[in-house]
Structure formats: C-alpha cells, structure tokens
C-alpha cells in the first residue's frame, strides 16, 4: 500500500503503508526518506516528530 496524500502520509505509514508518492517530497526528499526509514525501523517517536 502506498500513501498518496501529503497530509495523511504519517497516519498511513502507521497502519502499514510501505511508501508514498508525494508532490512535496520533491521539495524535501531527505525529510521524507527519514520519515519512511523511521517507520520501517520501528522508531515511532522519531516518525511522529
């Protein structure tokens, strides 16, 4: 499952989305890569920050 709405990406990752296709990720790709990595490695507090 992929998230497609910037507003809901963190919520969707929390319930099992494996990634996202987001327009704003083009502006800050490092931040979105960090978000996905945090969810994948179980660092929930970091992902929510």
PDB file of N, CA and C in Angstrom:
ATOM      1  N   UNK A   1       0.852  -1.166   0.000  1.00  0.00           N
ATOM      2  CA  UNK A   1       0.000   0.000   0.000  1.00  0.00           C
ATOM      3  C   UNK A   1       0.904   1.238   0.000  1.00  0.00           C
ATOM      4  N   UNK A   2       0.537   2.208  -0.793  1.00  0.00           N
ATOM      5  CA  UNK A   2       1.271   3.467  -0.845  1.00  0.00           C
ATOM      6  C   UNK A   2       0.371   4.607  -0.400  1.00  0.00           C
ATOM      7  N   UNK A   3       0.960   5.583   0.262  1.00  0.00           N
ATOM      8  CA  UNK A   3       0.242   6.795   0.646  1.00  0.00           C
ATOM      9  C   UNK A   3       0.370   7.791  -0.501  1.00  0.00           C
ATOM     10  N   UNK A   4      -0.686   8.547  -0.766  1.00  0.00           N
ATOM     11  CA  UNK A   4      -0.635   9.494  -1.860  1.00  0.00           C
ATOM     12  C   UNK A   4      -1.013  10.907  -1.469  1.00  0.00           C
ATOM     13  N   UNK A   5      -1.403  11.101  -0.238  1.00  0.00           N
ATOM     14  CA  UNK A   5      -1.820  12.422   0.220  1.00  0.00           C
ATOM     15  C   UNK A   5      -0.844  12.899   1.287  1.00  0.00           C
ATOM     16  N   UNK A   6      -0.204  14.028   1.047  1.00  0.00           N
ATOM     17  CA  UNK A   6       0.818  14.539   1.966  1.00  0.00           C
ATOM     18  C   UNK A   6       0.321  14.647   3.407  1.00  0.00           C
ATOM     19  N   UNK A   7      -0.914  15.075   3.559  1.00  0.00           N
ATOM     20  CA  UNK A   7      -1.481  15.296   4.890  1.00  0.00           C
ATOM     21  C   UNK A   7      -1.574  14.003   5.698  1.00  0.00           C
ATOM     22  N   UNK A   8      -1.786  12.893   5.025  1.00  0.00           N
ATOM     23  CA  UNK A   8      -2.041  11.629   5.720  1.00  0.00           C
ATOM     24  C   UNK A   8      -0.903  10.620   5.671  1.00  0.00           C
ATOM     25  N   UNK A   9       0.242  11.001   5.128  1.00  0.00           N
ATOM     26  CA  UNK A   9       1.314  10.022   4.952  1.00  0.00           C
ATOM     27  C   UNK A   9       1.750   9.375   6.270  1.00  0.00           C
ATOM     28  N   UNK A  10       1.911  10.131   7.325  1.00  0.00           N
ATOM     29  CA  UNK A  10       2.345   9.543   8.598  1.00  0.00           C
ATOM     30  C   UNK A  10       1.303   8.579   9.145  1.00  0.00           C
ATOM     31  N   UNK A  11       0.034   8.948   9.048  1.00  0.00           N
ATOM     32  CA  UNK A  11      -1.034   8.051   9.509  1.00  0.00           C
ATOM     33  C   UNK A  11      -1.079   6.764   8.697  1.00  0.00           C
ATOM     34  N   UNK A  12      -0.948   6.892   7.397  1.00  0.00           N
ATOM     35  CA  UNK A  12      -0.987   5.704   6.549  1.00  0.00           C
ATOM     36  C   UNK A  12       0.226   4.813   6.770  1.00  0.00           C
ATOM     37  N   UNK A  13       1.389   5.405   7.003  1.00  0.00           N
ATOM     38  CA  UNK A  13       2.574   4.604   7.314  1.00  0.00           C
ATOM     39  C   UNK A  13       2.369   3.856   8.630  1.00  0.00           C
ATOM     40  N   UNK A  14       1.700   4.474   9.568  1.00  0.00           N
ATOM     41  CA  UNK A  14       1.453   3.845  10.870  1.00  0.00           C
ATOM     42  C   UNK A  14       0.575   2.606  10.749  1.00  0.00           C
ATOM     43  N   UNK A  15      -0.288   2.578   9.736  1.00  0.00           N
ATOM     44  CA  UNK A  15      -1.182   1.427   9.577  1.00  0.00           C
ATOM     45  C   UNK A  15      -0.757   0.494   8.453  1.00  0.00           C
ATOM     46  N   UNK A  16       0.475   0.665   7.974  1.00  0.00           N
ATOM     47  CA  UNK A  16       1.003  -0.330   7.062  1.00  0.00           C
ATOM     48  C   UNK A  16       1.395   0.107   5.666  1.00  0.00           C
ATOM     49  N   UNK A  17       1.233   1.374   5.317  1.00  0.00           N
ATOM     50  CA  UNK A  17       1.707   1.806   4.002  1.00  0.00           C
ATOM     51  C   UNK A  17       3.213   1.568   3.928  1.00  0.00           C
ATOM     52  N   UNK A  18       3.694   1.167   2.782  1.00  0.00           N
ATOM     53  CA  UNK A  18       5.110   0.854   2.639  1.00  0.00           C
ATOM     54  C   UNK A  18       5.910   1.982   2.008  1.00  0.00           C
ATOM     55  N   UNK A  19       5.237   3.015   1.598  1.00  0.00           N
ATOM     56  CA  UNK A  19       5.913   4.151   0.991  1.00  0.00           C
ATOM     57  C   UNK A  19       4.892   5.194   0.585  1.00  0.00           C
ATOM     58  N   UNK A  20       5.331   6.138  -0.227  1.00  0.00           N
ATOM     59  CA  UNK A  20       4.426   7.209  -0.635  1.00  0.00           C
ATOM     60  C   UNK A  20       4.863   7.808  -1.953  1.00  0.00           C
ATOM     61  N   UNK A  21       3.918   8.437  -2.611  1.00  0.00           N
ATOM     62  CA  UNK A  21       4.176   9.206  -3.817  1.00  0.00           C
ATOM     63  C   UNK A  21       3.615  10.587  -3.525  1.00  0.00           C
ATOM     64  N   UNK A  22       4.495  11.533  -3.219  1.00  0.00           N
ATOM     65  CA  UNK A  22       4.062  12.835  -2.741  1.00  0.00           C
ATOM     66  C   UNK A  22       4.710  13.969  -3.520  1.00  0.00           C
ATOM     67  N   UNK A  23       3.933  14.976  -3.840  1.00  0.00           N
ATOM     68  CA  UNK A  23       4.464  16.138  -4.546  1.00  0.00           C
ATOM     69  C   UNK A  23       5.477  16.889  -3.686  1.00  0.00           C
ATOM     70  N   UNK A  24       5.193  17.046  -2.410  1.00  0.00           N
ATOM     71  CA  UNK A  24       6.092  17.829  -1.560  1.00  0.00           C
ATOM     72  C   UNK A  24       7.405  17.110  -1.277  1.00  0.00           C
ATOM     73  N   UNK A  25       7.469  15.818  -1.528  1.00  0.00           N
ATOM     74  CA  UNK A  25       8.725  15.096  -1.332  1.00  0.00           C
ATOM     75  C   UNK A  25       9.786  15.601  -2.304  1.00  0.00           C
ATOM     76  N   UNK A  26       9.369  16.221  -3.390  1.00  0.00           N
ATOM     77  CA  UNK A  26      10.315  16.805  -4.334  1.00  0.00           C
ATOM     78  C   UNK A  26      11.036  18.013  -3.730  1.00  0.00           C
ATOM     79  N   UNK A  27      10.396  18.655  -2.767  1.00  0.00           N
ATOM     80  CA  UNK A  27      10.974  19.836  -2.129  1.00  0.00           C
ATOM     81  C   UNK A  27      11.905  19.496  -0.976  1.00  0.00           C
ATOM     82  N   UNK A  28      11.630  18.384  -0.305  1.00  0.00           N
ATOM     83  CA  UNK A  28      12.432  17.983   0.854  1.00  0.00           C
ATOM     84  C   UNK A  28      12.587  16.460   0.873  1.00  0.00           C
ATOM     85  N   UNK A  29      13.255  15.887  -0.127  1.00  0.00           N
ATOM     86  CA  UNK A  29      13.341  14.423  -0.205  1.00  0.00           C
ATOM     87  C   UNK A  29      14.011  13.772   0.995  1.00  0.00           C
ATOM     88  N   UNK A  30      14.990  14.451   1.588  1.00  0.00           N
ATOM     89  CA  UNK A  30      15.683  13.867   2.743  1.00  0.00           C
ATOM     90  C   UNK A  30      14.723  13.677   3.918  1.00  0.00           C
ATOM     91  N   UNK A  31      13.852  14.643   4.134  1.00  0.00           N
ATOM     92  CA  UNK A  31      12.902  14.569   5.251  1.00  0.00           C
ATOM     93  C   UNK A  31      11.923  13.407   5.065  1.00  0.00           C
ATOM     94  N   UNK A  32      11.438  13.228   3.851  1.00  0.00           N
ATOM     95  CA  UNK A  32      10.505  12.136   3.605  1.00  0.00           C
ATOM     96  C   UNK A  32      11.200  10.786   3.662  1.00  0.00           C
ATOM     97  N   UNK A  33      12.429  10.708   3.187  1.00  0.00           N
ATOM     98  CA  UNK A  33      13.192   9.463   3.291  1.00  0.00           C
ATOM     99  C   UNK A  33      13.423   9.105   4.759  1.00  0.00           C
ATOM    100  N   UNK A  34      13.695  10.122   5.569  1.00  0.00           N
ATOM    101  CA  UNK A  34      13.882   9.909   7.008  1.00  0.00           C
ATOM    102  C   UNK A  34      12.584   9.418   7.663  1.00  0.00           C
ATOM    103  N   UNK A  35      11.463   9.990   7.260  1.00  0.00           N
ATOM    104  CA  UNK A  35      10.164   9.569   7.795  1.00  0.00           C
ATOM    105  C   UNK A  35       9.885   8.103   7.482  1.00  0.00           C
ATOM    106  N   UNK A  36      10.077   7.713   6.244  1.00  0.00           N
ATOM    107  CA  UNK A  36       9.841   6.326   5.839  1.00  0.00           C
ATOM    108  C   UNK A  36      10.796   5.388   6.573  1.00  0.00           C
ATOM    109  N   UNK A  37      12.052   5.759   6.658  1.00  0.00           N
ATOM    110  CA  UNK A  37      13.037   4.923   7.357  1.00  0.00           C
ATOM    111  C   UNK A  37      12.683   4.759   8.832  1.00  0.00           C
ATOM    112  N   UNK A  38      12.207   5.817   9.454  1.00  0.00           N
ATOM    113  CA  UNK A  38      11.824   5.740  10.871  1.00  0.00           C
ATOM    114  C   UNK A  38      10.681   4.750  11.067  1.00  0.00           C
ATOM    115  N   UNK A  39       9.669   4.802  10.217  1.00  0.00           N
ATOM    116  CA  UNK A  39       8.556   3.842  10.349  1.00  0.00           C
ATOM    117  C   UNK A  39       9.025   2.425  10.095  1.00  0.00           C
ATOM    118  N   UNK A  40       9.846   2.238   9.084  1.00  0.00           N
ATOM    119  CA  UNK A  40      10.302   0.884   8.727  1.00  0.00           C
ATOM    120  C   UNK A  40      11.162   0.245   9.800  1.00  0.00           C
ATOM    121  N   UNK A  41      11.870   1.070  10.572  1.00  0.00           N
ATOM    122  CA  UNK A  41      12.733   0.515  11.610  1.00  0.00           C
ATOM    123  C   UNK A  41      12.106   0.560  12.996  1.00  0.00           C
ATOM    124  N   UNK A  42      10.832   0.941  13.057  1.00  0.00           N
ATOM    125  CA  UNK A  42      10.124   0.926  14.336  1.00  0.00           C
ATOM    126  C   UNK A  42      10.411   2.092  15.245  1.00  0.00           C
ATOM    127  N   UNK A  43      11.008   3.149  14.728  1.00  0.00           N
ATOM    128  CA  UNK A  43      11.282   4.341  15.553  1.00  0.00           C
ATOM    129  C   UNK A  43      10.075   5.272  15.498  1.00  0.00           C
ATOM    130  N   UNK A  44       9.012   4.852  16.160  1.00  0.00           N
ATOM    131  CA  UNK A  44       7.730   5.527  16.098  1.00  0.00           C
ATOM    132  C   UNK A  44       7.813   6.973  16.602  1.00  0.00           C
ATOM    133  N   UNK A  45       8.475   7.187  17.693  1.00  0.00           N
ATOM    134  CA  UNK A  45       8.571   8.550  18.228  1.00  0.00           C
ATOM    135  C   UNK A  45       9.270   9.482  17.251  1.00  0.00           C
ATOM    136  N   UNK A  46      10.304   8.982  16.596  1.00  0.00           N
ATOM    137  CA  UNK A  46      11.012   9.793  15.599  1.00  0.00           C
ATOM    138  C   UNK A  46      10.119  10.068  14.398  1.00  0.00           C
ATOM    139  N   UNK A  47       9.376   9.057  13.970  1.00  0.00           N
ATOM    140  CA  UNK A  47       8.496   9.210  12.821  1.00  0.00           C
ATOM    141  C   UNK A  47       7.382  10.210  13.085  1.00  0.00           C
ATOM    142  N   UNK A  48       6.939  10.276  14.305  1.00  0.00           N
ATOM    143  CA  UNK A  48       5.858  11.215  14.658  1.00  0.00           C
ATOM    144  C   UNK A  48       6.352  12.641  14.869  1.00  0.00           C
ATOM    145  N   UNK A  49       7.640  12.827  15.020  1.00  0.00           N
ATOM    146  CA  UNK A  49       8.189  14.167  15.292  1.00  0.00           C
ATOM    147  C   UNK A  49       8.154  15.061  14.066  1.00  0.00           C
TER     148      UNK A  49
END
